């Protein structure tokens, strides 16, 4: 039937147009009759023609419905939102450290801690050449930044990630206990 009505086998353009229409109908009928679920819906439609709108709904629900798992969509949305949130928190954290580095009070305290620990002695020479003033200043900034990271507690930055890391093992432990309940009940009987 498909070979007889295929549009490529027709000679004139009028026959091709008619054959395309017939071939489209044949293709739709084949799709409906080859799928058992669609075939039962089609049989139900033939038995109950008064529920025409319901049949339209069933047909288009199958045609237009998404083929993607909803769990994957939700997971990807959560990952995207979490990564945006993490990037925002990381940026805020770096801005806070930069502000503390520029603040004279915290900068002096960091220099005092660095000199007390003996870390402030930055070598002015590196591999046979003298470091420029900008390079020395950059190394001092890196040293003070690392000291500020160690000493100053910046609350609420990256706290959610820490809580999530603490929560997931707890959730796994609770799930293991719940899974063991039937085994414990079997032992007591």
C-alpha atoms as a PDB file:
ATOM      1  CA  UNK A   1       0.000   0.000   0.000  1.00  0.00           C
ATOM      2  CA  UNK A   2       2.819   2.397   0.883  1.00  0.00           C
ATOM      3  CA  UNK A   3       4.659   1.461  -2.296  1.00  0.00           C
ATOM      4  CA  UNK A   4       1.588   2.117  -4.423  1.00  0.00           C
ATOM      5  CA  UNK A   5       0.715   5.514  -2.888  1.00  0.00           C
ATOM      6  CA  UNK A   6       4.228   6.869  -2.285  1.00  0.00           C
ATOM      7  CA  UNK A   7       4.567  10.420  -3.754  1.00  0.00           C
ATOM      8  CA  UNK A   8       7.887   9.637  -5.456  1.00  0.00           C
ATOM      9  CA  UNK A   9       6.282   6.923  -7.595  1.00  0.00           C
ATOM     10  CA  UNK A  10       3.728   9.304  -9.141  1.00  0.00           C
ATOM     11  CA  UNK A  11       4.399  10.900 -12.508  1.00  0.00           C
ATOM     12  CA  UNK A  12       2.389  14.143 -12.623  1.00  0.00           C
ATOM     13  CA  UNK A  13       2.367  16.899 -10.038  1.00  0.00           C
ATOM     14  CA  UNK A  14      -1.385  16.523  -9.404  1.00  0.00           C
ATOM     15  CA  UNK A  15      -0.954  12.834  -8.657  1.00  0.00           C
ATOM     16  CA  UNK A  16       1.974  13.648  -6.357  1.00  0.00           C
ATOM     17  CA  UNK A  17      -0.154  16.091  -4.344  1.00  0.00           C
ATOM     18  CA  UNK A  18      -2.971  13.533  -3.988  1.00  0.00           C
ATOM     19  CA  UNK A  19      -0.457  10.802  -3.158  1.00  0.00           C
ATOM     20  CA  UNK A  20       1.160  12.954  -0.447  1.00  0.00           C
ATOM     21  CA  UNK A  21      -2.236  13.407   1.210  1.00  0.00           C
ATOM     22  CA  UNK A  22      -3.044   9.684   0.978  1.00  0.00           C
ATOM     23  CA  UNK A  23       0.437   8.750   2.200  1.00  0.00           C
ATOM     24  CA  UNK A  24       0.074  11.074   5.211  1.00  0.00           C
ATOM     25  CA  UNK A  25      -3.229   9.372   6.113  1.00  0.00           C
ATOM     26  CA  UNK A  26      -1.708   5.906   5.656  1.00  0.00           C
ATOM     27  CA  UNK A  27       1.273   6.862   7.825  1.00  0.00           C
ATOM     28  CA  UNK A  28      -0.986   8.173  10.621  1.00  0.00           C
ATOM     29  CA  UNK A  29      -3.102   5.017  10.480  1.00  0.00           C
ATOM     30  CA  UNK A  30       0.018   2.850  10.641  1.00  0.00           C
ATOM     31  CA  UNK A  31       1.330   4.750  13.691  1.00  0.00           C
ATOM     32  CA  UNK A  32      -1.986   4.374  15.514  1.00  0.00           C
ATOM     33  CA  UNK A  33      -2.548   0.726  14.662  1.00  0.00           C
ATOM     34  CA  UNK A  34       1.030  -0.398  15.344  1.00  0.00           C
ATOM     35  CA  UNK A  35       1.115   0.993  18.918  1.00  0.00           C
ATOM     36  CA  UNK A  36      -1.065  -1.151  21.236  1.00  0.00           C
ATOM     37  CA  UNK A  37      -1.881   1.722  23.590  1.00  0.00           C
ATOM     38  CA  UNK A  38      -2.893   4.043  20.766  1.00  0.00           C
ATOM     39  CA  UNK A  39      -4.884   1.252  19.166  1.00  0.00           C
ATOM     40  CA  UNK A  40      -6.938   0.710  22.348  1.00  0.00           C
ATOM     41  CA  UNK A  41      -7.582   4.460  22.511  1.00  0.00           C
ATOM     42  CA  UNK A  42      -8.632   4.418  18.855  1.00  0.00           C
ATOM     43  CA  UNK A  43     -10.988   1.491  19.476  1.00  0.00           C
ATOM     44  CA  UNK A  44     -12.431   3.343  22.474  1.00  0.00           C
ATOM     45  CA  UNK A  45     -12.947   6.409  20.278  1.00  0.00           C
ATOM     46  CA  UNK A  46     -14.828   4.327  17.717  1.00  0.00           C
ATOM     47  CA  UNK A  47     -16.991   2.827  20.464  1.00  0.00           C
ATOM     48  CA  UNK A  48     -17.695   6.219  22.127  1.00  0.00           C
ATOM     49  CA  UNK A  49     -17.924   8.953  19.493  1.00  0.00           C
ATOM     50  CA  UNK A  50     -19.792  11.246  21.913  1.00  0.00           C
ATOM     51  CA  UNK A  51     -16.549  11.926  23.814  1.00  0.00           C
ATOM     52  CA  UNK A  52     -14.895  13.699  20.915  1.00  0.00           C
ATOM     53  CA  UNK A  53     -12.996  16.299  22.958  1.00  0.00           C
ATOM     54  CA  UNK A  54     -11.571  13.646  25.241  1.00  0.00           C
ATOM     55  CA  UNK A  55     -10.253  11.839  22.174  1.00  0.00           C
ATOM     56  CA  UNK A  56      -8.631  15.030  20.942  1.00  0.00           C
ATOM     57  CA  UNK A  57      -7.003  15.427  24.333  1.00  0.00           C
ATOM     58  CA  UNK A  58      -5.698  11.854  24.295  1.00  0.00           C
ATOM     59  CA  UNK A  59      -4.285  12.267  20.800  1.00  0.00           C
ATOM     60  CA  UNK A  60      -2.544  15.589  21.408  1.00  0.00           C
ATOM     61  CA  UNK A  61      -1.364  14.563  24.846  1.00  0.00           C
ATOM     62  CA  UNK A  62       0.640  11.822  23.193  1.00  0.00           C
ATOM     63  CA  UNK A  63       1.833  14.022  20.306  1.00  0.00           C
ATOM     64  CA  UNK A  64       2.803  17.144  22.244  1.00  0.00           C
ATOM     65  CA  UNK A  65       3.909  15.682  25.560  1.00  0.00           C
ATOM     66  CA  UNK A  66       7.553  16.053  26.472  1.00  0.00           C
ATOM     67  CA  UNK A  67       9.776  13.040  26.219  1.00  0.00           C
ATOM     68  CA  UNK A  68      12.242  14.300  28.851  1.00  0.00           C
ATOM     69  CA  UNK A  69      12.232  12.957  32.385  1.00  0.00           C
ATOM     70  CA  UNK A  70      10.961  15.604  34.796  1.00  0.00           C
ATOM     71  CA  UNK A  71      13.514  14.607  37.431  1.00  0.00           C
ATOM     72  CA  UNK A  72      16.362  15.480  35.068  1.00  0.00           C
ATOM     73  CA  UNK A  73      14.839  18.876  34.340  1.00  0.00           C
ATOM     74  CA  UNK A  74      14.400  19.656  38.040  1.00  0.00           C
ATOM     75  CA  UNK A  75      17.913  18.442  38.826  1.00  0.00           C
ATOM     76  CA  UNK A  76      19.457  20.565  36.073  1.00  0.00           C
ATOM     77  CA  UNK A  77      17.497  23.646  37.200  1.00  0.00           C
ATOM     78  CA  UNK A  78      18.678  23.108  40.774  1.00  0.00           C
ATOM     79  CA  UNK A  79      22.274  22.702  39.623  1.00  0.00           C
ATOM     80  CA  UNK A  80      22.119  25.877  37.545  1.00  0.00           C
ATOM     81  CA  UNK A  81      20.570  27.874  40.390  1.00  0.00           C
ATOM     82  CA  UNK A  82      23.098  26.467  42.868  1.00  0.00           C
ATOM     83  CA  UNK A  83      26.037  27.316  40.612  1.00  0.00           C
ATOM     84  CA  UNK A  84      24.754  30.880  40.135  1.00  0.00           C
ATOM     85  CA  UNK A  85      24.263  31.201  43.888  1.00  0.00           C
ATOM     86  CA  UNK A  86      27.736  29.780  44.556  1.00  0.00           C
ATOM     87  CA  UNK A  87      29.333  32.197  42.081  1.00  0.00           C
ATOM     88  CA  UNK A  88      27.507  35.114  43.710  1.00  0.00           C
ATOM     89  CA  UNK A  89      28.596  34.063  47.190  1.00  0.00           C
ATOM     90  CA  UNK A  90      32.176  33.539  46.034  1.00  0.00           C
ATOM     91  CA  UNK A  91      32.218  37.022  44.489  1.00  0.00           C
ATOM     92  CA  UNK A  92      30.806  38.551  47.684  1.00  0.00           C
ATOM     93  CA  UNK A  93      33.404  36.678  49.714  1.00  0.00           C
ATOM     94  CA  UNK A  94      36.240  38.015  47.546  1.00  0.00           C
ATOM     95  CA  UNK A  95      34.829  41.564  47.747  1.00  0.00           C
ATOM     96  CA  UNK A  96      34.680  41.291  51.539  1.00  0.00           C
ATOM     97  CA  UNK A  97      38.302  40.097  51.662  1.00  0.00           C
ATOM     98  CA  UNK A  98      39.371  42.933  49.358  1.00  0.00           C
ATOM     99  CA  UNK A  99      37.592  45.442  51.592  1.00  0.00           C
ATOM    100  CA  UNK A 100      39.295  44.019  54.690  1.00  0.00           C
ATOM    101  CA  UNK A 101      42.623  44.167  52.881  1.00  0.00           C
ATOM    102  CA  UNK A 102      42.097  47.873  52.131  1.00  0.00           C
ATOM    103  CA  UNK A 103      40.833  48.682  55.632  1.00  0.00           C
ATOM    104  CA  UNK A 104      43.798  50.134  57.604  1.00  0.00           C
ATOM    105  CA  UNK A 105      42.783  48.483  60.883  1.00  0.00           C
ATOM    106  CA  UNK A 106      42.599  44.948  59.491  1.00  0.00           C
ATOM    107  CA  UNK A 107      45.613  45.458  57.229  1.00  0.00           C
ATOM    108  CA  UNK A 108      47.770  46.569  60.180  1.00  0.00           C
ATOM    109  CA  UNK A 109      46.562  43.612  62.259  1.00  0.00           C
ATOM    110  CA  UNK A 110      47.385  41.198  59.403  1.00  0.00           C
ATOM    111  CA  UNK A 111      50.863  42.750  58.998  1.00  0.00           C
ATOM    112  CA  UNK A 112      51.400  42.428  62.736  1.00  0.00           C
ATOM    113  CA  UNK A 113      50.444  38.737  62.661  1.00  0.00           C
ATOM    114  CA  UNK A 114      52.648  38.128  59.606  1.00  0.00           C
ATOM    115  CA  UNK A 115      55.661  39.757  61.237  1.00  0.00           C
ATOM    116  CA  UNK A 116      55.039  37.831  64.481  1.00  0.00           C
ATOM    117  CA  UNK A 117      54.988  34.561  62.531  1.00  0.00           C
ATOM    118  CA  UNK A 118      58.011  35.606  60.454  1.00  0.00           C
ATOM    119  CA  UNK A 119      56.140  35.369  57.159  1.00  0.00           C
ATOM    120  CA  UNK A 120      56.505  39.039  56.224  1.00  0.00           C
ATOM    121  CA  UNK A 121      60.149  38.660  55.179  1.00  0.00           C
ATOM    122  CA  UNK A 122      59.585  38.555  51.425  1.00  0.00           C
ATOM    123  CA  UNK A 123      62.736  37.983  49.393  1.00  0.00           C
ATOM    124  CA  UNK A 124      63.516  40.818  46.983  1.00  0.00           C
ATOM    125  CA  UNK A 125      65.413  38.468  44.672  1.00  0.00           C
ATOM    126  CA  UNK A 126      64.090  35.574  42.650  1.00  0.00           C
ATOM    127  CA  UNK A 127      66.208  33.298  40.455  1.00  0.00           C
ATOM    128  CA  UNK A 128      68.993  35.769  39.782  1.00  0.00           C
ATOM    129  CA  UNK A 129      66.913  38.910  39.277  1.00  0.00           C
ATOM    130  CA  UNK A 130      65.564  41.601  41.518  1.00  0.00           C
ATOM    131  CA  UNK A 131      61.767  41.773  41.848  1.00  0.00           C
ATOM    132  CA  UNK A 132      60.069  45.005  40.846  1.00  0.00           C
ATOM    133  CA  UNK A 133      58.141  47.120  43.309  1.00  0.00           C
ATOM    134  CA  UNK A 134      54.820  45.961  41.822  1.00  0.00           C
ATOM    135  CA  UNK A 135      55.784  42.290  42.146  1.00  0.00           C
ATOM    136  CA  UNK A 136      56.823  42.792  45.779  1.00  0.00           C
ATOM    137  CA  UNK A 137      53.551  44.574  46.499  1.00  0.00           C
ATOM    138  CA  UNK A 138      51.569  41.770  44.829  1.00  0.00           C
ATOM    139  CA  UNK A 139      53.319  39.121  46.947  1.00  0.00           C
ATOM    140  CA  UNK A 140      52.651  41.120  50.099  1.00  0.00           C
ATOM    141  CA  UNK A 141      48.962  41.418  49.100  1.00  0.00           C
ATOM    142  CA  UNK A 142      48.753  37.640  48.591  1.00  0.00           C
ATOM    143  CA  UNK A 143      50.365  37.023  51.979  1.00  0.00           C
ATOM    144  CA  UNK A 144      48.026  39.444  53.771  1.00  0.00           C
ATOM    145  CA  UNK A 145      45.014  37.977  51.953  1.00  0.00           C
ATOM    146  CA  UNK A 146      45.947  34.458  53.098  1.00  0.00           C
ATOM    147  CA  UNK A 147      46.359  35.688  56.684  1.00  0.00           C
ATOM    148  CA  UNK A 148      42.988  37.438  56.560  1.00  0.00           C
ATOM    149  CA  UNK A 149      41.378  34.238  55.235  1.00  0.00           C
ATOM    150  CA  UNK A 150      42.812  32.306  58.174  1.00  0.00           C
ATOM    151  CA  UNK A 151      42.022  34.805  60.929  1.00  0.00           C
ATOM    152  CA  UNK A 152      38.843  36.684  60.021  1.00  0.00           C
ATOM    153  CA  UNK A 153      35.601  34.728  60.150  1.00  0.00           C
ATOM    154  CA  UNK A 154      33.248  35.831  57.409  1.00  0.00           C
ATOM    155  CA  UNK A 155      29.828  34.507  58.385  1.00  0.00           C
ATOM    156  CA  UNK A 156      27.128  33.422  55.936  1.00  0.00           C
ATOM    157  CA  UNK A 157      29.569  33.010  53.058  1.00  0.00           C
ATOM    158  CA  UNK A 158      29.513  29.542  51.579  1.00  0.00           C
ATOM    159  CA  UNK A 159      27.570  28.409  54.637  1.00  0.00           C
ATOM    160  CA  UNK A 160      24.880  26.726  52.566  1.00  0.00           C
ATOM    161  CA  UNK A 161      27.418  24.459  50.872  1.00  0.00           C
ATOM    162  CA  UNK A 162      28.839  23.488  54.266  1.00  0.00           C
ATOM    163  CA  UNK A 163      25.368  22.716  55.626  1.00  0.00           C
ATOM    164  CA  UNK A 164      24.561  20.659  52.523  1.00  0.00           C
ATOM    165  CA  UNK A 165      27.751  18.623  52.945  1.00  0.00           C
ATOM    166  CA  UNK A 166      26.788  18.003  56.588  1.00  0.00           C
ATOM    167  CA  UNK A 167      23.158  17.132  55.714  1.00  0.00           C
ATOM    168  CA  UNK A 168      23.719  14.566  52.955  1.00  0.00           C
ATOM    169  CA  UNK A 169      25.633  12.012  55.121  1.00  0.00           C
ATOM    170  CA  UNK A 170      23.033  12.476  57.875  1.00  0.00           C
ATOM    171  CA  UNK A 171      20.247  11.782  55.368  1.00  0.00           C
ATOM    172  CA  UNK A 172      22.074   8.638  54.198  1.00  0.00           C
ATOM    173  CA  UNK A 173      22.464   7.436  57.809  1.00  0.00           C
ATOM    174  CA  UNK A 174      18.758   8.017  58.506  1.00  0.00           C
ATOM    175  CA  UNK A 175      17.827   6.141  55.331  1.00  0.00           C
ATOM    176  CA  UNK A 176      20.045   3.205  56.376  1.00  0.00           C
ATOM    177  CA  UNK A 177      18.309   3.068  59.773  1.00  0.00           C
ATOM    178  CA  UNK A 178      14.893   3.156  58.081  1.00  0.00           C
ATOM    179  CA  UNK A 179      15.953   0.363  55.725  1.00  0.00           C
ATOM    180  CA  UNK A 180      17.098  -1.772  58.691  1.00  0.00           C
ATOM    181  CA  UNK A 181      13.766  -1.490  60.564  1.00  0.00           C
ATOM    182  CA  UNK A 182      12.136  -4.458  58.754  1.00  0.00           C
ATOM    183  CA  UNK A 183      15.202  -6.598  59.513  1.00  0.00           C
ATOM    184  CA  UNK A 184      15.033  -5.709  63.214  1.00  0.00           C
ATOM    185  CA  UNK A 185      11.294  -6.449  63.309  1.00  0.00           C
ATOM    186  CA  UNK A 186      11.900  -9.861  61.721  1.00  0.00           C
ATOM    187  CA  UNK A 187      14.476 -10.691  64.420  1.00  0.00           C
ATOM    188  CA  UNK A 188      12.045  -9.899  67.253  1.00  0.00           C
ATOM    189  CA  UNK A 189       9.283 -12.171  65.923  1.00  0.00           C
END
